[in-house]
Amino acid sequence: MKEIKAFIKPSRVTNVVEALEKAGFESLTLSKGEGTGTHERPDATLDLEFFFTNSKVIKLELVCQNEETEKAIQLICKNARSPEPGDGIIYVTEIVSASRIKTGESLKRFNL
């Protein structure tokens, strides 16, 4: 299994989530955040509460089977892309184990 973390612009979240859900990716987590990156908005200001450049971002987290990973990445890229710079970044990590809390049942379908 893989965990995909995508840091995307808030204005693109609806497009990305709808595309993923339409393709069968149902369990997503979204978090609001602020961060810095290689692109800095000209109107960005320091946020004294967080001490980061005030660049709003949404972190989308998704766990999927190995064979579904590339499809999810392609959907995120296609639907998060905008005409402006600083569209975000995607990280993929290996999930060693995943189980349902209520039943203890493993979420892995295959040992790939």
N, C-alpha and C. Protein backbone atom coordinates (compact mmCIF):
# COMPACT_ATOMS: atom_id res chain seq x y z
N MET A 1 0.84 -1.19 0.00
CA MET A 1 0.00 0.00 0.00
C MET A 1 0.87 1.24 0.00
N LYS A 2 0.32 2.33 -0.50
CA LYS A 2 1.03 3.60 -0.58
C LYS A 2 0.19 4.70 0.07
N GLU A 3 0.89 5.67 0.66
CA GLU A 3 0.24 6.88 1.14
C GLU A 3 0.66 8.01 0.21
N ILE A 4 -0.33 8.72 -0.29
CA ILE A 4 -0.08 9.87 -1.15
C ILE A 4 -0.42 11.12 -0.35
N LYS A 5 0.52 12.06 -0.29
CA LYS A 5 0.28 13.36 0.31
C LYS A 5 0.46 14.39 -0.80
N ALA A 6 -0.58 15.15 -1.05
CA ALA A 6 -0.52 16.18 -2.09
C ALA A 6 -0.80 17.53 -1.45
N PHE A 7 0.08 18.48 -1.69
CA PHE A 7 -0.08 19.84 -1.18
C PHE A 7 -0.54 20.69 -2.37
N ILE A 8 -1.79 21.13 -2.32
CA ILE A 8 -2.39 21.79 -3.47
C ILE A 8 -3.02 23.13 -3.08
N LYS A 9 -3.29 23.93 -4.09
CA LYS A 9 -3.94 25.23 -3.88
C LYS A 9 -5.38 25.02 -3.44
N PRO A 10 -5.86 25.83 -2.49
CA PRO A 10 -7.25 25.72 -2.05
C PRO A 10 -8.25 25.84 -3.20
N SER A 11 -7.96 26.66 -4.18
CA SER A 11 -8.89 26.86 -5.30
C SER A 11 -9.04 25.63 -6.18
N ARG A 12 -8.15 24.65 -6.04
CA ARG A 12 -8.19 23.46 -6.90
C ARG A 12 -8.74 22.22 -6.17
N VAL A 13 -9.01 22.35 -4.88
CA VAL A 13 -9.41 21.19 -4.06
C VAL A 13 -10.67 20.51 -4.59
N THR A 14 -11.70 21.28 -4.89
CA THR A 14 -12.96 20.68 -5.34
C THR A 14 -12.74 19.84 -6.59
N ASN A 15 -11.99 20.36 -7.55
CA ASN A 15 -11.72 19.61 -8.79
C ASN A 15 -11.01 18.30 -8.49
N VAL A 16 -10.01 18.35 -7.62
CA VAL A 16 -9.21 17.16 -7.30
C VAL A 16 -10.07 16.12 -6.58
N VAL A 17 -10.79 16.54 -5.55
CA VAL A 17 -11.60 15.61 -4.77
C VAL A 17 -12.69 14.97 -5.64
N GLU A 18 -13.36 15.76 -6.44
CA GLU A 18 -14.41 15.21 -7.32
C GLU A 18 -13.84 14.19 -8.30
N ALA A 19 -12.69 14.47 -8.87
CA ALA A 19 -12.07 13.53 -9.82
C ALA A 19 -11.67 12.24 -9.13
N LEU A 20 -11.08 12.35 -7.93
CA LEU A 20 -10.68 11.15 -7.20
C LEU A 20 -11.90 10.31 -6.79
N GLU A 21 -12.94 10.97 -6.30
CA GLU A 21 -14.15 10.24 -5.91
C GLU A 21 -14.81 9.56 -7.10
N LYS A 22 -14.85 10.25 -8.23
CA LYS A 22 -15.44 9.68 -9.45
C LYS A 22 -14.67 8.44 -9.90
N ALA A 23 -13.35 8.42 -9.64
CA ALA A 23 -12.51 7.28 -10.02
C ALA A 23 -12.51 6.18 -8.96
N GLY A 24 -13.27 6.37 -7.88
CA GLY A 24 -13.38 5.32 -6.87
C GLY A 24 -12.51 5.49 -5.64
N PHE A 25 -11.79 6.59 -5.53
CA PHE A 25 -10.99 6.86 -4.33
C PHE A 25 -11.90 7.59 -3.35
N GLU A 26 -12.38 6.87 -2.34
CA GLU A 26 -13.41 7.42 -1.46
C GLU A 26 -12.89 7.96 -0.14
N SER A 27 -11.82 7.45 0.37
CA SER A 27 -11.34 7.84 1.69
C SER A 27 -10.18 8.82 1.58
N LEU A 28 -10.50 10.09 1.74
CA LEU A 28 -9.51 11.16 1.64
C LEU A 28 -9.52 11.95 2.95
N THR A 29 -8.40 12.54 3.26
CA THR A 29 -8.31 13.47 4.38
C THR A 29 -7.80 14.78 3.84
N LEU A 30 -8.45 15.87 4.23
CA LEU A 30 -8.03 17.21 3.83
C LEU A 30 -7.69 18.02 5.07
N SER A 31 -6.59 18.75 5.01
CA SER A 31 -6.17 19.62 6.12
C SER A 31 -5.76 20.97 5.55
N LYS A 32 -6.13 22.04 6.27
CA LYS A 32 -5.69 23.38 5.88
C LYS A 32 -4.32 23.64 6.46
N GLY A 33 -3.51 24.39 5.74
CA GLY A 33 -2.20 24.72 6.27
C GLY A 33 -1.63 25.96 5.60
N GLU A 34 -0.46 26.32 6.06
CA GLU A 34 0.31 27.40 5.47
C GLU A 34 1.72 26.87 5.30
N GLY A 35 2.41 27.39 4.32
CA GLY A 35 3.76 26.90 4.13
C GLY A 35 4.59 27.79 3.24
N THR A 36 5.78 27.31 2.99
CA THR A 36 6.70 27.99 2.10
C THR A 36 7.08 27.03 1.00
N GLY A 37 7.61 27.54 -0.06
CA GLY A 37 8.04 26.69 -1.16
C GLY A 37 8.91 27.49 -2.09
N THR A 38 9.15 26.94 -3.26
CA THR A 38 10.01 27.64 -4.22
C THR A 38 9.29 28.82 -4.85
N HIS A 39 7.95 28.80 -4.85
CA HIS A 39 7.19 29.94 -5.39
C HIS A 39 6.73 30.81 -4.23
N GLU A 40 7.02 32.08 -4.31
CA GLU A 40 6.57 33.01 -3.28
C GLU A 40 5.65 34.03 -3.93
N ARG A 41 4.45 34.13 -3.42
CA ARG A 41 3.50 35.11 -3.94
C ARG A 41 4.00 36.52 -3.65
N PRO A 42 3.82 37.45 -4.58
CA PRO A 42 4.25 38.83 -4.34
C PRO A 42 3.50 39.49 -3.19
N ASP A 43 2.26 39.05 -2.92
CA ASP A 43 1.47 39.66 -1.85
C ASP A 43 1.59 38.89 -0.53
N ALA A 44 2.50 37.92 -0.45
CA ALA A 44 2.66 37.11 0.77
C ALA A 44 3.22 37.96 1.91
N THR A 45 2.75 37.66 3.10
CA THR A 45 3.23 38.35 4.29
C THR A 45 3.57 37.32 5.35
N LEU A 46 4.39 37.70 6.29
CA LEU A 46 4.71 36.80 7.39
C LEU A 46 3.52 36.72 8.33
N ASP A 47 3.20 35.51 8.76
CA ASP A 47 2.14 35.29 9.72
C ASP A 47 2.82 35.06 11.06
N LEU A 48 2.67 36.00 11.97
CA LEU A 48 3.40 35.93 13.23
C LEU A 48 2.98 34.76 14.10
N GLU A 49 1.79 34.21 13.86
CA GLU A 49 1.36 33.06 14.64
C GLU A 49 2.13 31.80 14.23
N PHE A 50 2.38 31.65 12.93
CA PHE A 50 3.04 30.45 12.44
C PHE A 50 4.48 30.68 12.00
N PHE A 51 4.88 31.93 11.79
CA PHE A 51 6.21 32.28 11.32
C PHE A 51 6.52 31.68 9.95
N PHE A 52 5.51 31.57 9.10
CA PHE A 52 5.69 31.09 7.74
C PHE A 52 5.23 32.16 6.77
N THR A 53 5.71 32.07 5.56
CA THR A 53 5.16 32.93 4.52
C THR A 53 3.69 32.55 4.38
N ASN A 54 2.85 33.53 4.33
CA ASN A 54 1.42 33.30 4.32
C ASN A 54 0.97 32.77 2.95
N SER A 55 1.21 31.51 2.73
CA SER A 55 0.83 30.85 1.50
C SER A 55 -0.12 29.71 1.86
N LYS A 56 -1.40 29.89 1.60
CA LYS A 56 -2.40 28.89 1.96
C LYS A 56 -2.21 27.64 1.12
N VAL A 57 -2.41 26.49 1.76
CA VAL A 57 -2.26 25.22 1.08
C VAL A 57 -3.23 24.22 1.71
N ILE A 58 -3.65 23.26 0.92
CA ILE A 58 -4.46 22.16 1.42
C ILE A 58 -3.63 20.89 1.27
N LYS A 59 -3.55 20.12 2.36
CA LYS A 59 -2.87 18.82 2.30
C LYS A 59 -3.94 17.75 2.14
N LEU A 60 -3.85 17.02 1.04
CA LEU A 60 -4.73 15.91 0.76
C LEU A 60 -3.96 14.63 1.07
N GLU A 61 -4.55 13.76 1.86
CA GLU A 61 -3.91 12.48 2.17
C GLU A 61 -4.82 11.35 1.70
N LEU A 62 -4.20 10.37 1.08
CA LEU A 62 -4.93 9.25 0.50
C LEU A 62 -4.07 8.01 0.62
N VAL A 63 -4.65 6.92 1.11
CA VAL A 63 -3.95 5.63 1.14
C VAL A 63 -4.62 4.73 0.11
N CYS A 64 -3.82 4.09 -0.72
CA CYS A 64 -4.38 3.24 -1.76
C CYS A 64 -3.49 2.01 -1.98
N GLN A 65 -4.02 1.07 -2.72
CA GLN A 65 -3.26 -0.12 -3.08
C GLN A 65 -2.16 0.27 -4.06
N ASN A 66 -1.08 -0.50 -4.08
CA ASN A 66 0.07 -0.19 -4.94
C ASN A 66 -0.33 0.05 -6.39
N GLU A 67 -1.19 -0.80 -6.91
CA GLU A 67 -1.55 -0.71 -8.33
C GLU A 67 -2.43 0.49 -8.65
N GLU A 68 -2.98 1.17 -7.65
CA GLU A 68 -3.82 2.34 -7.85
C GLU A 68 -3.05 3.65 -7.76
N THR A 69 -1.80 3.59 -7.33
CA THR A 69 -1.02 4.78 -7.01
C THR A 69 -0.84 5.71 -8.21
N GLU A 70 -0.41 5.17 -9.32
CA GLU A 70 -0.13 6.02 -10.50
C GLU A 70 -1.40 6.70 -11.00
N LYS A 71 -2.51 6.00 -10.98
CA LYS A 71 -3.78 6.59 -11.41
C LYS A 71 -4.15 7.77 -10.51
N ALA A 72 -3.99 7.61 -9.21
CA ALA A 72 -4.31 8.70 -8.27
C ALA A 72 -3.40 9.90 -8.51
N ILE A 73 -2.12 9.65 -8.70
CA ILE A 73 -1.17 10.75 -8.95
C ILE A 73 -1.54 11.50 -10.23
N GLN A 74 -1.86 10.78 -11.28
CA GLN A 74 -2.24 11.42 -12.55
C GLN A 74 -3.50 12.27 -12.39
N LEU A 75 -4.48 11.76 -11.65
CA LEU A 75 -5.71 12.53 -11.42
C LEU A 75 -5.44 13.80 -10.62
N ILE A 76 -4.61 13.68 -9.60
CA ILE A 76 -4.27 14.86 -8.79
C ILE A 76 -3.55 15.90 -9.65
N CYS A 77 -2.55 15.47 -10.40
CA CYS A 77 -1.79 16.40 -11.25
C CYS A 77 -2.70 17.09 -12.26
N LYS A 78 -3.53 16.32 -12.93
CA LYS A 78 -4.41 16.87 -13.96
C LYS A 78 -5.38 17.89 -13.38
N ASN A 79 -5.92 17.62 -12.20
CA ASN A 79 -6.96 18.47 -11.64
C ASN A 79 -6.46 19.54 -10.68
N ALA A 80 -5.21 19.47 -10.26
CA ALA A 80 -4.65 20.50 -9.37
C ALA A 80 -3.86 21.55 -10.16
N ARG A 81 -3.56 21.26 -11.41
CA ARG A 81 -2.78 22.18 -12.25
C ARG A 81 -3.55 23.45 -12.52
N SER A 82 -2.84 24.59 -12.45
CA SER A 82 -3.46 25.88 -12.73
C SER A 82 -2.53 26.69 -13.63
N PRO A 83 -3.00 27.80 -14.17
CA PRO A 83 -2.14 28.64 -15.01
C PRO A 83 -1.05 29.38 -14.22
N GLU A 84 -1.25 29.52 -12.90
CA GLU A 84 -0.29 30.25 -12.07
C GLU A 84 0.83 29.32 -11.60
N PRO A 85 1.97 29.90 -11.19
CA PRO A 85 3.04 29.08 -10.61
C PRO A 85 2.68 28.60 -9.21
N GLY A 86 3.40 27.62 -8.73
CA GLY A 86 3.22 27.15 -7.35
C GLY A 86 2.04 26.22 -7.17
N ASP A 87 1.85 25.27 -8.08
CA ASP A 87 0.70 24.36 -7.98
C ASP A 87 0.82 23.34 -6.86
N GLY A 88 1.99 23.09 -6.34
CA GLY A 88 2.13 22.17 -5.23
C GLY A 88 3.07 21.02 -5.51
N ILE A 89 2.97 20.00 -4.66
CA ILE A 89 3.87 18.86 -4.75
C ILE A 89 3.16 17.62 -4.21
N ILE A 90 3.61 16.46 -4.67
CA ILE A 90 3.04 15.18 -4.23
C ILE A 90 4.17 14.31 -3.68
N TYR A 91 3.92 13.71 -2.52
CA TYR A 91 4.85 12.74 -1.94
C TYR A 91 4.16 11.38 -1.87
N VAL A 92 4.92 10.32 -2.10
CA VAL A 92 4.39 8.96 -1.98
C VAL A 92 5.30 8.18 -1.04
N THR A 93 4.69 7.53 -0.05
CA THR A 93 5.45 6.71 0.89
C THR A 93 4.81 5.32 1.00
N GLU A 94 5.62 4.37 1.40
CA GLU A 94 5.18 2.99 1.58
C GLU A 94 4.45 2.84 2.91
N ILE A 95 3.32 2.15 2.89
CA ILE A 95 2.58 1.81 4.11
C ILE A 95 2.90 0.37 4.45
N VAL A 96 3.45 0.17 5.62
CA VAL A 96 3.82 -1.18 6.06
C VAL A 96 2.59 -1.96 6.50
N SER A 97 1.68 -1.29 7.19
CA SER A 97 0.50 -1.96 7.72
C SER A 97 -0.63 -0.95 7.84
N ALA A 98 -1.86 -1.41 7.63
CA ALA A 98 -3.05 -0.58 7.83
C ALA A 98 -4.19 -1.49 8.23
N SER A 99 -4.88 -1.13 9.31
CA SER A 99 -5.97 -1.95 9.83
C SER A 99 -7.13 -1.08 10.26
N ARG A 100 -8.33 -1.63 10.17
CA ARG A 100 -9.52 -0.93 10.66
C ARG A 100 -9.51 -0.97 12.19
N ILE A 101 -9.81 0.14 12.82
CA ILE A 101 -9.82 0.21 14.28
C ILE A 101 -10.90 -0.71 14.86
N LYS A 102 -12.09 -0.67 14.32
CA LYS A 102 -13.21 -1.43 14.88
C LYS A 102 -12.99 -2.94 14.82
N THR A 103 -12.46 -3.45 13.69
CA THR A 103 -12.37 -4.90 13.50
C THR A 103 -10.95 -5.45 13.56
N GLY A 104 -9.96 -4.58 13.39
CA GLY A 104 -8.57 -5.05 13.31
C GLY A 104 -8.24 -5.63 11.96
N GLU A 105 -9.21 -5.64 11.04
CA GLU A 105 -9.03 -6.21 9.72
C GLU A 105 -7.99 -5.42 8.92
N SER A 106 -7.09 -6.14 8.25
CA SER A 106 -6.07 -5.51 7.42
C SER A 106 -6.72 -4.88 6.20
N LEU A 107 -6.21 -3.72 5.80
CA LEU A 107 -6.71 -3.04 4.61
C LEU A 107 -5.93 -3.41 3.36
N LYS A 108 -4.85 -4.15 3.53
CA LYS A 108 -4.07 -4.57 2.35
C LYS A 108 -4.82 -5.65 1.59
N ARG A 109 -4.94 -5.46 0.28
CA ARG A 109 -5.58 -6.48 -0.55
C ARG A 109 -4.56 -7.45 -1.12
N PHE A 110 -3.32 -6.94 -1.33
CA PHE A 110 -2.29 -7.75 -1.95
C PHE A 110 -1.00 -7.53 -1.20
N ASN A 111 -0.09 -8.46 -1.26
CA ASN A 111 1.24 -8.30 -0.69
C ASN A 111 2.20 -7.93 -1.81
N LEU A 112 2.10 -6.72 -2.30
CA LEU A 112 2.97 -6.27 -3.40
C LEU A 112 4.08 -5.44 -2.86
